Amino acid sequence: MSDALDTLKRQFEKIVGEKNPIMLAHRDANPGTDDRSKAWMDCYYCHPNSTQAATLVKRIKALEKEQPVLAGMLFPITTRLMLKQGEIMVQKDADLKARNDRKARAQANREEKETIKRNPYHKLDPQVADILRQVAEPYRVTAVKMETIRLTNQLEEVKKLGAMFGSFDPDVMFPTKKGDNYGNQVACHKRMDAQAYLNCTGGYHNRSWTLAADPEAIVKAKAERFAADMVSQFIHKVGTKLSGVVEKKNGTHTVTIKGGSLQDYWMAFTFADGAEFDVQAQVVWKTSVNGVHFPQFPVCFRNVKLANGSRMELPSEAKMKEQFT
C-alpha cells in the first residue's frame, strides 16, 4: 500500500468515526429516542471499509423513515465518505498502474541484462567495443585468478567441515543459531555456496549429500564464468558512456591505448574536427557484508580538447555529455 493510499484510508476511517458520536448526542438530547430499533442498531454498528460507503448510505436511508432529523444529520457524513471513497479508488488505480509499470521496467531490465550477457557489445559503437575488449582482457585474467583463490578456499572449507562432521549436509556444516541474525545470514550464504560442490540424492526427508567427483573443475568453471560476466558488465557499462560521446562525432578518427599496465593505461580518442580526449576505465572490486564480491567501473577523463581548440577544465562524465559535441 502506498503512503498516499494509506493516508486516504485513515481519513476515511476518521470520517466514519464521526457517525456514532452524532447518534449518541442526538439520543441524549432527545429522551425516548428509539435506539433499540433494528434501523438504529444497523446504522450504529455499521463500520464500512473504504469500498463500502454505499452500505452506510442504505442504512441511514432506512433510519430516515423512523428518525428523519437524525438521518439528516448523518447524510453529510455519507457525502464526504462517497467522495473519499472515490479518491481512494483513483489512488488504487494509480498504485496499480505504478506497480505494473515497476514490474514492466523490472522485466525490461531483466531482458536487457540477458541480452547484454549474450552480447555485451549490444548497441555499442564498434570502435569503442573493440578498444574495451583489449582493455578488459588483463582485468579478466586477474579476475579469474582472484576468484579461483576465493573459491578454492571455499571448497577447502567444505572439505574440512565435511571430514570433521562426517557429513556434507550443508545444514550440518553451517548450522544456524537462535538470535544470531548476522551469523545466520552468513551461514545461509555459505550453505548455498557449498551446494555448488555437492551432489544431492534422495527425497526431502532422506537427502544424502556427497562431494562432487571433480570439485576443482567446478571451481575453474565458476571462476571463468565470474570473470566473463565481469567483462560483459565492464564493456557494456563503460561502452554505453563512451558510445554516447563518440556518436555525437559520427565515429572516431583514431583510438589508441597509451601505457601498458592496468594502472597507467589511457585510451586516446581523436576526431576529425580536432576534438580529442583521454579516458581511463578501471575495475574496482568491492565486497558486501555477506562476502559477495562485485565490481565497479569508475571512468576518468582528462586532456579534453573541444573542436574549437579550447580545453575543458576539470572534465567529468556530466561535462562530457553536455559540452563535448
C-alpha atoms as a PDB file:
ATOM      1  CA  MET A   1       0.000   0.000   0.000  1.00  0.00           C
ATOM      2  CA  SER A   2       1.382   3.411  -0.930  1.00  0.00           C
ATOM      3  CA  ASP A   3       1.665   6.183   1.646  1.00  0.00           C
ATOM      4  CA  ALA A   4      -0.929   8.206  -0.256  1.00  0.00           C
ATOM      5  CA  LEU A   5      -3.450   5.337  -0.181  1.00  0.00           C
ATOM      6  CA  ASP A   6      -2.771   4.688   3.500  1.00  0.00           C
ATOM      7  CA  THR A   7      -3.412   8.367   4.265  1.00  0.00           C
ATOM      8  CA  LEU A   8      -6.703   8.344   2.344  1.00  0.00           C
ATOM      9  CA  LYS A   9      -7.899   5.226   4.160  1.00  0.00           C
ATOM     10  CA  ARG A  10      -7.074   6.807   7.513  1.00  0.00           C
ATOM     11  CA  GLN A  11      -9.063   9.880   6.506  1.00  0.00           C
ATOM     12  CA  PHE A  12     -11.976   7.609   5.544  1.00  0.00           C
ATOM     13  CA  GLU A  13     -11.828   5.905   8.948  1.00  0.00           C
ATOM     14  CA  LYS A  14     -11.809   9.289  10.674  1.00  0.00           C
ATOM     15  CA  ILE A  15     -14.961  10.367   8.837  1.00  0.00           C
ATOM     16  CA  VAL A  16     -16.686   7.080   9.735  1.00  0.00           C
ATOM     17  CA  GLY A  17     -15.750   7.747  13.354  1.00  0.00           C
ATOM     18  CA  GLU A  18     -17.873  10.909  13.351  1.00  0.00           C
ATOM     19  CA  LYS A  19     -21.103   8.915  12.932  1.00  0.00           C
ATOM     20  CA  ASN A  20     -21.643   7.308  16.336  1.00  0.00           C
ATOM     21  CA  PRO A  21     -20.959  10.414  18.476  1.00  0.00           C
ATOM     22  CA  ILE A  22     -23.655  12.234  16.483  1.00  0.00           C
ATOM     23  CA  MET A  23     -26.102   9.368  17.010  1.00  0.00           C
ATOM     24  CA  LEU A  24     -25.404   9.213  20.758  1.00  0.00           C
ATOM     25  CA  ALA A  25     -25.607  13.003  21.168  1.00  0.00           C
ATOM     26  CA  HIS A  26     -28.947  13.043  19.337  1.00  0.00           C
ATOM     27  CA  ARG A  27     -30.270  10.260  21.559  1.00  0.00           C
ATOM     28  CA  ASP A  28     -29.178  12.066  24.747  1.00  0.00           C
ATOM     29  CA  ALA A  29     -30.699  15.354  23.531  1.00  0.00           C
ATOM     30  CA  ASN A  30     -33.967  13.615  22.655  1.00  0.00           C
ATOM     31  CA  PRO A  31     -35.039  11.290  25.502  1.00  0.00           C
ATOM     32  CA  GLY A  32     -37.263   8.484  24.347  1.00  0.00           C
ATOM     33  CA  THR A  33     -35.433   8.076  21.054  1.00  0.00           C
ATOM     34  CA  ASP A  34     -35.844   4.503  19.874  1.00  0.00           C
ATOM     35  CA  ASP A  35     -32.190   3.447  19.995  1.00  0.00           C
ATOM     36  CA  ARG A  36     -33.056  -0.234  20.047  1.00  0.00           C
ATOM     37  CA  SER A  37     -34.834  -0.424  16.733  1.00  0.00           C
ATOM     38  CA  LYS A  38     -33.254  -2.518  14.004  1.00  0.00           C
ATOM     39  CA  ALA A  39     -32.695   0.511  11.784  1.00  0.00           C
ATOM     40  CA  TRP A  40     -30.918   2.399  14.598  1.00  0.00           C
ATOM     41  CA  MET A  41     -28.789  -0.604  15.585  1.00  0.00           C
ATOM     42  CA  ASP A  42     -27.888  -1.389  11.960  1.00  0.00           C
ATOM     43  CA  CYS A  43     -26.746   2.170  11.437  1.00  0.00           C
ATOM     44  CA  TYR A  44     -24.914   2.466  14.763  1.00  0.00           C
ATOM     45  CA  TYR A  45     -22.921  -0.753  14.322  1.00  0.00           C
ATOM     46  CA  CYS A  46     -22.194  -0.187  10.634  1.00  0.00           C
ATOM     47  CA  HIS A  47     -18.480   0.436  10.206  1.00  0.00           C
ATOM     48  CA  PRO A  48     -17.834   0.352   6.447  1.00  0.00           C
ATOM     49  CA  ASN A  49     -14.415  -0.112   4.933  1.00  0.00           C
ATOM     50  CA  SER A  50     -13.141   2.119   2.155  1.00  0.00           C
ATOM     51  CA  THR A  51     -15.225   0.315  -0.507  1.00  0.00           C
ATOM     52  CA  GLN A  52     -18.496   0.105   1.431  1.00  0.00           C
ATOM     53  CA  ALA A  53     -19.675   3.700   1.798  1.00  0.00           C
ATOM     54  CA  ALA A  54     -22.862   2.799  -0.091  1.00  0.00           C
ATOM     55  CA  THR A  55     -23.776   0.318   2.663  1.00  0.00           C
ATOM     56  CA  LEU A  56     -23.910   3.103   5.238  1.00  0.00           C
ATOM     57  CA  VAL A  57     -25.975   5.223   2.859  1.00  0.00           C
ATOM     58  CA  LYS A  58     -28.599   2.456   2.631  1.00  0.00           C
ATOM     59  CA  ARG A  59     -28.756   2.048   6.398  1.00  0.00           C
ATOM     60  CA  ILE A  60     -29.167   5.777   7.006  1.00  0.00           C
ATOM     61  CA  LYS A  61     -31.973   5.857   4.429  1.00  0.00           C
ATOM     62  CA  ALA A  62     -33.691   3.043   6.367  1.00  0.00           C
ATOM     63  CA  LEU A  63     -33.206   5.033   9.595  1.00  0.00           C
ATOM     64  CA  GLU A  64     -34.670   8.133   7.904  1.00  0.00           C
ATOM     65  CA  LYS A  65     -38.127   6.532   7.921  1.00  0.00           C
ATOM     66  CA  GLU A  66     -38.060   6.433  11.741  1.00  0.00           C
ATOM     67  CA  GLN A  67     -35.824   9.401  12.625  1.00  0.00           C
ATOM     68  CA  PRO A  68     -35.584  11.885   9.743  1.00  0.00           C
ATOM     69  CA  VAL A  69     -33.850  14.552  11.835  1.00  0.00           C
ATOM     70  CA  LEU A  70     -31.051  12.193  12.886  1.00  0.00           C
ATOM     71  CA  ALA A  71     -30.725  10.876   9.334  1.00  0.00           C
ATOM     72  CA  GLY A  72     -30.449  14.451   8.078  1.00  0.00           C
ATOM     73  CA  MET A  73     -27.535  14.972  10.455  1.00  0.00           C
ATOM     74  CA  LEU A  74     -25.792  11.829   9.154  1.00  0.00           C
ATOM     75  CA  PHE A  75     -26.202  12.301   5.398  1.00  0.00           C
ATOM     76  CA  PRO A  76     -23.403  14.942   5.145  1.00  0.00           C
ATOM     77  CA  ILE A  77     -21.042  12.296   6.527  1.00  0.00           C
ATOM     78  CA  THR A  78     -22.036   9.852   3.794  1.00  0.00           C
ATOM     79  CA  THR A  79     -21.465  12.529   1.153  1.00  0.00           C
ATOM     80  CA  ARG A  80     -17.922  13.019   2.411  1.00  0.00           C
ATOM     81  CA  LEU A  81     -17.411   9.259   2.603  1.00  0.00           C
ATOM     82  CA  MET A  82     -18.507   8.750  -1.003  1.00  0.00           C
ATOM     83  CA  LEU A  83     -16.128  11.485  -2.170  1.00  0.00           C
ATOM     84  CA  LYS A  84     -13.304   9.990  -0.125  1.00  0.00           C
ATOM     85  CA  GLN A  85     -14.100   6.524  -1.467  1.00  0.00           C
ATOM     86  CA  GLY A  86     -13.799   7.963  -4.969  1.00  0.00           C
ATOM     87  CA  GLU A  87     -10.366   9.403  -4.112  1.00  0.00           C
ATOM     88  CA  ILE A  88      -9.332   6.009  -2.738  1.00  0.00           C
ATOM     89  CA  MET A  89     -10.406   4.205  -5.912  1.00  0.00           C
ATOM     90  CA  VAL A  90      -8.467   6.702  -8.044  1.00  0.00           C
ATOM     91  CA  GLN A  91      -5.390   6.230  -5.846  1.00  0.00           C
ATOM     92  CA  LYS A  92      -5.752   2.436  -6.029  1.00  0.00           C
ATOM     93  CA  ASP A  93      -5.788   2.646  -9.809  1.00  0.00           C
ATOM     94  CA  ALA A  94      -2.698   4.878  -9.705  1.00  0.00           C
ATOM     95  CA  ASP A  95      -0.942   2.458  -7.352  1.00  0.00           C
ATOM     96  CA  LEU A  96      -1.845  -0.485  -9.576  1.00  0.00           C
ATOM     97  CA  LYS A  97      -0.526   1.336 -12.642  1.00  0.00           C
ATOM     98  CA  ALA A  98       2.685   2.253 -10.791  1.00  0.00           C
ATOM     99  CA  ARG A  99       3.089  -1.358  -9.632  1.00  0.00           C
ATOM    100  CA  ASN A 100       2.552  -2.677 -13.158  1.00  0.00           C
ATOM    101  CA  ASP A 101       4.972  -0.090 -14.519  1.00  0.00           C
ATOM    102  CA  ARG A 102       7.601  -1.221 -11.999  1.00  0.00           C
ATOM    103  CA  LYS A 103       7.054  -4.835 -12.996  1.00  0.00           C
ATOM    104  CA  ALA A 104       7.326  -3.911 -16.670  1.00  0.00           C
ATOM    105  CA  ARG A 105      10.540  -1.977 -16.049  1.00  0.00           C
ATOM    106  CA  ALA A 106      11.956  -4.841 -13.989  1.00  0.00           C
ATOM    107  CA  GLN A 107      11.092  -7.296 -16.773  1.00  0.00           C
ATOM    108  CA  ALA A 108      12.644  -4.993 -19.357  1.00  0.00           C
ATOM    109  CA  ASN A 109      15.779  -4.712 -17.211  1.00  0.00           C
ATOM    110  CA  ARG A 110      15.971  -8.490 -16.890  1.00  0.00           C
ATOM    111  CA  GLU A 111      15.596  -8.895 -20.645  1.00  0.00           C
ATOM    112  CA  GLU A 112      18.207  -6.208 -21.260  1.00  0.00           C
ATOM    113  CA  LYS A 113      20.620  -7.918 -18.869  1.00  0.00           C
ATOM    114  CA  GLU A 114      20.095 -11.226 -20.650  1.00  0.00           C
ATOM    115  CA  THR A 115      20.717  -9.537 -23.991  1.00  0.00           C
ATOM    116  CA  ILE A 116      23.862  -7.915 -22.628  1.00  0.00           C
ATOM    117  CA  LYS A 117      25.000 -11.220 -21.168  1.00  0.00           C
ATOM    118  CA  ARG A 118      24.669 -12.851 -24.589  1.00  0.00           C
ATOM    119  CA  ASN A 119      26.216  -9.888 -26.371  1.00  0.00           C
ATOM    120  CA  PRO A 120      27.942  -7.234 -24.214  1.00  0.00           C
ATOM    121  CA  TYR A 121      28.551  -5.144 -27.340  1.00  0.00           C
ATOM    122  CA  HIS A 122      24.808  -4.648 -27.727  1.00  0.00           C
ATOM    123  CA  LYS A 123      24.109  -1.103 -29.030  1.00  0.00           C
ATOM    124  CA  LEU A 124      27.767  -0.050 -28.693  1.00  0.00           C
ATOM    125  CA  ASP A 125      29.896   1.812 -31.191  1.00  0.00           C
ATOM    126  CA  PRO A 126      32.126  -0.842 -32.862  1.00  0.00           C
ATOM    127  CA  GLN A 127      35.361   1.069 -32.265  1.00  0.00           C
ATOM    128  CA  VAL A 128      34.513   1.615 -28.615  1.00  0.00           C
ATOM    129  CA  ALA A 129      33.616  -2.059 -28.146  1.00  0.00           C
ATOM    130  CA  ASP A 130      36.849  -3.166 -29.813  1.00  0.00           C
ATOM    131  CA  ILE A 131      39.084  -0.970 -27.641  1.00  0.00           C
ATOM    132  CA  LEU A 132      37.261  -2.041 -24.468  1.00  0.00           C
ATOM    133  CA  ARG A 133      37.773  -5.711 -25.343  1.00  0.00           C
ATOM    134  CA  GLN A 134      41.502  -5.048 -25.302  1.00  0.00           C
ATOM    135  CA  VAL A 135      41.347  -3.086 -22.064  1.00  0.00           C
ATOM    136  CA  ALA A 136      39.214  -5.740 -20.360  1.00  0.00           C
ATOM    137  CA  GLU A 137      41.478  -8.720 -21.072  1.00  0.00           C
ATOM    138  CA  PRO A 138      44.066  -8.156 -18.287  1.00  0.00           C
ATOM    139  CA  TYR A 139      41.202  -7.471 -15.866  1.00  0.00           C
ATOM    140  CA  ARG A 140      39.610 -10.760 -16.947  1.00  0.00           C
ATOM    141  CA  VAL A 141      42.835 -12.688 -16.254  1.00  0.00           C
ATOM    142  CA  THR A 142      43.156 -11.030 -12.855  1.00  0.00           C
ATOM    143  CA  ALA A 143      39.509 -11.767 -12.060  1.00  0.00           C
ATOM    144  CA  VAL A 144      39.950 -15.463 -12.882  1.00  0.00           C
ATOM    145  CA  LYS A 145      42.957 -15.702 -10.562  1.00  0.00           C
ATOM    146  CA  MET A 146      41.265 -13.781  -7.756  1.00  0.00           C
ATOM    147  CA  GLU A 147      38.034 -15.750  -7.940  1.00  0.00           C
ATOM    148  CA  THR A 148      39.877 -19.071  -8.212  1.00  0.00           C
ATOM    149  CA  ILE A 149      41.660 -18.323  -4.938  1.00  0.00           C
ATOM    150  CA  ARG A 150      38.407 -17.358  -3.232  1.00  0.00           C
ATOM    151  CA  LEU A 151      36.504 -20.393  -4.491  1.00  0.00           C
ATOM    152  CA  THR A 152      39.378 -22.746  -3.675  1.00  0.00           C
ATOM    153  CA  ASN A 153      39.319 -21.513  -0.075  1.00  0.00           C
ATOM    154  CA  GLN A 154      35.569 -22.007  -0.092  1.00  0.00           C
ATOM    155  CA  LEU A 155      35.955 -25.574  -1.354  1.00  0.00           C
ATOM    156  CA  GLU A 156      38.667 -26.373   1.199  1.00  0.00           C
ATOM    157  CA  GLU A 157      36.365 -25.209   3.989  1.00  0.00           C
ATOM    158  CA  VAL A 158      33.641 -27.544   2.713  1.00  0.00           C
ATOM    159  CA  LYS A 159      36.103 -30.472   2.570  1.00  0.00           C
ATOM    160  CA  LYS A 160      37.399 -29.731   6.063  1.00  0.00           C
ATOM    161  CA  LEU A 161      33.960 -29.429   7.663  1.00  0.00           C
ATOM    162  CA  GLY A 162      32.673 -32.476   5.790  1.00  0.00           C
ATOM    163  CA  ALA A 163      35.509 -34.548   7.240  1.00  0.00           C
ATOM    164  CA  MET A 164      35.027 -33.046  10.708  1.00  0.00           C
ATOM    165  CA  PHE A 165      31.284 -33.736  10.905  1.00  0.00           C
ATOM    166  CA  GLY A 166      31.312 -36.894   8.823  1.00  0.00           C
ATOM    167  CA  SER A 167      28.648 -35.338   6.618  1.00  0.00           C
ATOM    168  CA  PHE A 168      28.494 -32.967   3.685  1.00  0.00           C
ATOM    169  CA  ASP A 169      24.976 -31.889   4.611  1.00  0.00           C
ATOM    170  CA  PRO A 170      25.102 -28.039   4.333  1.00  0.00           C
ATOM    171  CA  ASP A 171      22.779 -27.682   7.347  1.00  0.00           C
ATOM    172  CA  VAL A 172      25.226 -29.712   9.436  1.00  0.00           C
ATOM    173  CA  MET A 173      28.356 -27.931   8.193  1.00  0.00           C
ATOM    174  CA  PHE A 174      26.889 -24.435   8.514  1.00  0.00           C
ATOM    175  CA  PRO A 175      24.251 -24.502  11.257  1.00  0.00           C
ATOM    176  CA  THR A 176      22.207 -21.509  12.368  1.00  0.00           C
ATOM    177  CA  LYS A 177      21.877 -20.274  15.932  1.00  0.00           C
ATOM    178  CA  LYS A 178      18.850 -18.750  17.615  1.00  0.00           C
ATOM    179  CA  GLY A 179      19.153 -14.989  17.969  1.00  0.00           C
ATOM    180  CA  ASP A 180      22.272 -14.664  15.801  1.00  0.00           C
ATOM    181  CA  ASN A 181      20.800 -12.884  12.783  1.00  0.00           C
ATOM    182  CA  TYR A 182      24.084 -11.818  11.199  1.00  0.00           C
ATOM    183  CA  GLY A 183      25.700 -15.228  11.796  1.00  0.00           C
ATOM    184  CA  ASN A 184      22.659 -16.946  10.317  1.00  0.00           C
ATOM    185  CA  GLN A 185      22.835 -14.790   7.175  1.00  0.00           C
ATOM    186  CA  VAL A 186      26.481 -15.741   6.734  1.00  0.00           C
ATOM    187  CA  ALA A 187      25.654 -19.426   7.336  1.00  0.00           C
ATOM    188  CA  CYS A 188      22.831 -19.251   4.803  1.00  0.00           C
ATOM    189  CA  HIS A 189      25.146 -17.856   2.124  1.00  0.00           C
ATOM    190  CA  LYS A 190      27.783 -20.489   2.925  1.00  0.00           C
ATOM    191  CA  ARG A 191      25.214 -23.284   2.622  1.00  0.00           C
ATOM    192  CA  MET A 192      24.182 -22.031  -0.825  1.00  0.00           C
ATOM    193  CA  ASP A 193      27.823 -21.705  -1.896  1.00  0.00           C
ATOM    194  CA  ALA A 194      28.655 -25.208  -0.630  1.00  0.00           C
ATOM    195  CA  GLN A 195      25.886 -26.809  -2.693  1.00  0.00           C
ATOM    196  CA  ALA A 196      27.803 -25.951  -5.885  1.00  0.00           C
ATOM    197  CA  TYR A 197      30.425 -28.588  -4.931  1.00  0.00           C
ATOM    198  CA  LEU A 198      27.975 -31.237  -3.714  1.00  0.00           C
ATOM    199  CA  ASN A 199      25.657 -33.865  -5.150  1.00  0.00           C
ATOM    200  CA  CYS A 200      22.297 -34.429  -3.508  1.00  0.00           C
ATOM    201  CA  THR A 201      20.258 -37.623  -3.787  1.00  0.00           C
ATOM    202  CA  GLY A 202      17.061 -38.800  -2.132  1.00  0.00           C
ATOM    203  CA  GLY A 203      13.858 -37.004  -1.217  1.00  0.00           C
ATOM    204  CA  TYR A 204      13.207 -34.083   1.087  1.00  0.00           C
ATOM    205  CA  HIS A 205      13.242 -36.178   4.283  1.00  0.00           C
ATOM    206  CA  ASN A 206      16.102 -38.527   3.358  1.00  0.00           C
ATOM    207  CA  ARG A 207      18.577 -36.407   1.465  1.00  0.00           C
ATOM    208  CA  SER A 208      22.112 -37.624   1.050  1.00  0.00           C
ATOM    209  CA  TRP A 209      24.938 -35.170   0.295  1.00  0.00           C
ATOM    210  CA  THR A 210      28.246 -36.162  -1.245  1.00  0.00           C
ATOM    211  CA  LEU A 211      31.216 -34.229  -2.602  1.00  0.00           C
ATOM    212  CA  ALA A 212      31.181 -33.841  -6.396  1.00  0.00           C
ATOM    213  CA  ALA A 213      33.546 -36.085  -8.367  1.00  0.00           C
ATOM    214  CA  ASP A 214      35.717 -33.185  -9.597  1.00  0.00           C
ATOM    215  CA  PRO A 215      35.037 -30.091  -7.451  1.00  0.00           C
ATOM    216  CA  GLU A 216      38.223 -28.406  -8.718  1.00  0.00           C
ATOM    217  CA  ALA A 217      36.699 -28.349 -12.210  1.00  0.00           C
ATOM    218  CA  ILE A 218      33.658 -26.644 -10.731  1.00  0.00           C
ATOM    219  CA  VAL A 219      35.937 -24.019  -9.198  1.00  0.00           C
ATOM    220  CA  LYS A 220      37.589 -23.402 -12.557  1.00  0.00           C
ATOM    221  CA  ALA A 221      34.283 -23.135 -14.418  1.00  0.00           C
ATOM    222  CA  LYS A 222      32.795 -20.778 -11.841  1.00  0.00           C
ATOM    223  CA  ALA A 223      35.888 -18.558 -11.879  1.00  0.00           C
ATOM    224  CA  GLU A 224      35.838 -18.339 -15.679  1.00  0.00           C
ATOM    225  CA  ARG A 225      32.122 -17.558 -15.678  1.00  0.00           C
ATOM    226  CA  PHE A 226      32.609 -14.945 -12.960  1.00  0.00           C
ATOM    227  CA  ALA A 227      35.334 -13.205 -14.995  1.00  0.00           C
ATOM    228  CA  ALA A 228      33.312 -13.401 -18.204  1.00  0.00           C
ATOM    229  CA  ASP A 229      30.322 -11.769 -16.504  1.00  0.00           C
ATOM    230  CA  MET A 230      32.600  -9.036 -15.186  1.00  0.00           C
ATOM    231  CA  VAL A 231      33.931  -8.361 -18.674  1.00  0.00           C
ATOM    232  CA  SER A 232      30.396  -8.201 -20.075  1.00  0.00           C
ATOM    233  CA  GLN A 233      29.399  -5.664 -17.432  1.00  0.00           C
ATOM    234  CA  PHE A 234      32.575  -3.639 -17.967  1.00  0.00           C
ATOM    235  CA  ILE A 235      32.222  -3.441 -21.731  1.00  0.00           C
ATOM    236  CA  HIS A 236      28.535  -2.600 -21.628  1.00  0.00           C
ATOM    237  CA  LYS A 237      28.558  -0.046 -18.799  1.00  0.00           C
ATOM    238  CA  VAL A 238      31.721   1.778 -19.869  1.00  0.00           C
ATOM    239  CA  GLY A 239      30.908   1.323 -23.553  1.00  0.00           C
ATOM    240  CA  THR A 240      27.474   2.891 -23.123  1.00  0.00           C
ATOM    241  CA  LYS A 241      29.057   6.009 -21.641  1.00  0.00           C
ATOM    242  CA  LEU A 242      31.737   6.315 -24.333  1.00  0.00           C
ATOM    243  CA  SER A 243      29.497   5.374 -27.263  1.00  0.00           C
ATOM    244  CA  GLY A 244      27.199   8.284 -26.468  1.00  0.00           C
ATOM    245  CA  VAL A 245      30.148  10.682 -26.727  1.00  0.00           C
ATOM    246  CA  VAL A 246      31.546   9.112 -29.889  1.00  0.00           C
ATOM    247  CA  GLU A 247      28.195   9.021 -31.691  1.00  0.00           C
ATOM    248  CA  LYS A 248      27.947  12.805 -31.426  1.00  0.00           C
ATOM    249  CA  LYS A 249      31.002  12.957 -33.703  1.00  0.00           C
ATOM    250  CA  ASN A 250      29.687  10.372 -36.179  1.00  0.00           C
ATOM    251  CA  GLY A 251      32.536   7.986 -35.358  1.00  0.00           C
ATOM    252  CA  THR A 252      36.118   8.375 -34.156  1.00  0.00           C
ATOM    253  CA  HIS A 253      39.129   9.336 -36.199  1.00  0.00           C
ATOM    254  CA  THR A 254      41.608   7.268 -34.200  1.00  0.00           C
ATOM    255  CA  VAL A 255      41.566   5.252 -30.993  1.00  0.00           C
ATOM    256  CA  THR A 256      44.776   4.142 -29.302  1.00  0.00           C
ATOM    257  CA  ILE A 257      45.887   2.825 -25.935  1.00  0.00           C
ATOM    258  CA  LYS A 258      48.599   4.675 -24.054  1.00  0.00           C
ATOM    259  CA  GLY A 259      50.542   2.732 -21.419  1.00  0.00           C
ATOM    260  CA  GLY A 260      50.509  -0.956 -20.770  1.00  0.00           C
ATOM    261  CA  SER A 261      49.667  -1.869 -17.175  1.00  0.00           C
ATOM    262  CA  LEU A 262      46.288  -1.807 -15.510  1.00  0.00           C
ATOM    263  CA  GLN A 263      47.345   1.253 -13.553  1.00  0.00           C
ATOM    264  CA  ASP A 264      48.780   3.603 -16.182  1.00  0.00           C
ATOM    265  CA  TYR A 265      46.920   2.931 -19.468  1.00  0.00           C
ATOM    266  CA  TRP A 266      44.752   5.594 -21.094  1.00  0.00           C
ATOM    267  CA  MET A 267      42.534   5.303 -24.157  1.00  0.00           C
ATOM    268  CA  ALA A 268      43.125   8.236 -26.503  1.00  0.00           C
ATOM    269  CA  PHE A 269      40.229   9.310 -28.735  1.00  0.00           C
ATOM    270  CA  THR A 270      40.806  11.857 -31.516  1.00  0.00           C
ATOM    271  CA  PHE A 271      38.255  13.156 -34.012  1.00  0.00           C
ATOM    272  CA  ALA A 272      38.315  14.606 -37.489  1.00  0.00           C
ATOM    273  CA  ASP A 273      37.214  18.059 -36.285  1.00  0.00           C
ATOM    274  CA  GLY A 274      40.257  18.343 -33.998  1.00  0.00           C
ATOM    275  CA  ALA A 275      38.499  17.363 -30.759  1.00  0.00           C
ATOM    276  CA  GLU A 276      40.161  14.777 -28.547  1.00  0.00           C
ATOM    277  CA  PHE A 277      40.196  13.306 -25.073  1.00  0.00           C
ATOM    278  CA  ASP A 278      41.872  10.630 -22.980  1.00  0.00           C
ATOM    279  CA  VAL A 279      39.825   8.304 -20.804  1.00  0.00           C
ATOM    280  CA  GLN A 280      40.632   5.597 -18.295  1.00  0.00           C
ATOM    281  CA  ALA A 281      38.123   2.982 -17.196  1.00  0.00           C
ATOM    282  CA  GLN A 282      39.058   0.641 -14.379  1.00  0.00           C
ATOM    283  CA  VAL A 283      37.625  -2.305 -12.494  1.00  0.00           C
ATOM    284  CA  VAL A 284      37.475  -1.736  -8.748  1.00  0.00           C
ATOM    285  CA  TRP A 285      36.465  -4.703  -6.609  1.00  0.00           C
ATOM    286  CA  LYS A 286      34.167  -4.344  -3.622  1.00  0.00           C
ATOM    287  CA  THR A 287      32.954  -6.872  -1.053  1.00  0.00           C
ATOM    288  CA  SER A 288      29.491  -6.776   0.528  1.00  0.00           C
ATOM    289  CA  VAL A 289      28.825  -7.504   4.208  1.00  0.00           C
ATOM    290  CA  ASN A 290      27.875 -11.040   3.150  1.00  0.00           C
ATOM    291  CA  GLY A 291      31.217 -11.610   1.447  1.00  0.00           C
ATOM    292  CA  VAL A 292      29.894 -11.188  -2.096  1.00  0.00           C
ATOM    293  CA  HIS A 293      32.485  -9.749  -4.493  1.00  0.00           C
ATOM    294  CA  PHE A 294      31.264  -7.299  -7.092  1.00  0.00           C
ATOM    295  CA  PRO A 295      32.961  -4.875  -9.499  1.00  0.00           C
ATOM    296  CA  GLN A 296      32.546  -1.153 -10.020  1.00  0.00           C
ATOM    297  CA  PHE A 297      33.697   0.653 -13.151  1.00  0.00           C
ATOM    298  CA  PRO A 298      34.832   4.246 -12.494  1.00  0.00           C
ATOM    299  CA  VAL A 299      35.586   6.326 -15.594  1.00  0.00           C
ATOM    300  CA  CYS A 300      38.055   9.238 -15.616  1.00  0.00           C
ATOM    301  CA  PHE A 301      38.506  11.813 -18.410  1.00  0.00           C
ATOM    302  CA  ARG A 302      41.494  14.101 -18.986  1.00  0.00           C
ATOM    303  CA  ASN A 303      43.145  16.192 -21.737  1.00  0.00           C
ATOM    304  CA  VAL A 304      39.766  17.070 -23.222  1.00  0.00           C
ATOM    305  CA  LYS A 305      40.041  19.433 -26.207  1.00  0.00           C
ATOM    306  CA  LEU A 306      36.918  20.701 -27.920  1.00  0.00           C
ATOM    307  CA  ALA A 307      36.557  21.243 -31.671  1.00  0.00           C
ATOM    308  CA  ASN A 308      37.125  24.985 -31.241  1.00  0.00           C
ATOM    309  CA  GLY A 309      40.529  24.306 -29.674  1.00  0.00           C
ATOM    310  CA  SER A 310      39.580  25.204 -26.111  1.00  0.00           C
ATOM    311  CA  ARG A 311      40.340  22.908 -23.197  1.00  0.00           C
ATOM    312  CA  MET A 312      37.724  21.580 -20.819  1.00  0.00           C
ATOM    313  CA  GLU A 313      38.511  22.384 -17.207  1.00  0.00           C
ATOM    314  CA  LEU A 314      38.075  19.580 -14.675  1.00  0.00           C
ATOM    315  CA  PRO A 315      36.437  17.184 -17.169  1.00  0.00           C
ATOM    316  CA  SER A 316      33.784  14.796 -15.876  1.00  0.00           C
ATOM    317  CA  GLU A 317      31.169  12.442 -17.268  1.00  0.00           C
ATOM    318  CA  ALA A 318      28.473  15.102 -16.832  1.00  0.00           C
ATOM    319  CA  LYS A 319      30.546  17.745 -18.631  1.00  0.00           C
ATOM    320  CA  MET A 320      31.375  15.346 -21.472  1.00  0.00           C
ATOM    321  CA  LYS A 321      27.675  14.712 -22.024  1.00  0.00           C
ATOM    322  CA  GLU A 322      26.845  18.416 -22.047  1.00  0.00           C
ATOM    323  CA  GLN A 323      29.852  20.118 -23.653  1.00  0.00           C
ATOM    324  CA  PHE A 324      31.634  17.586 -25.877  1.00  0.00           C
ATOM    325  CA  THR A 325      29.700  17.972 -29.131  1.00  0.00           C
END
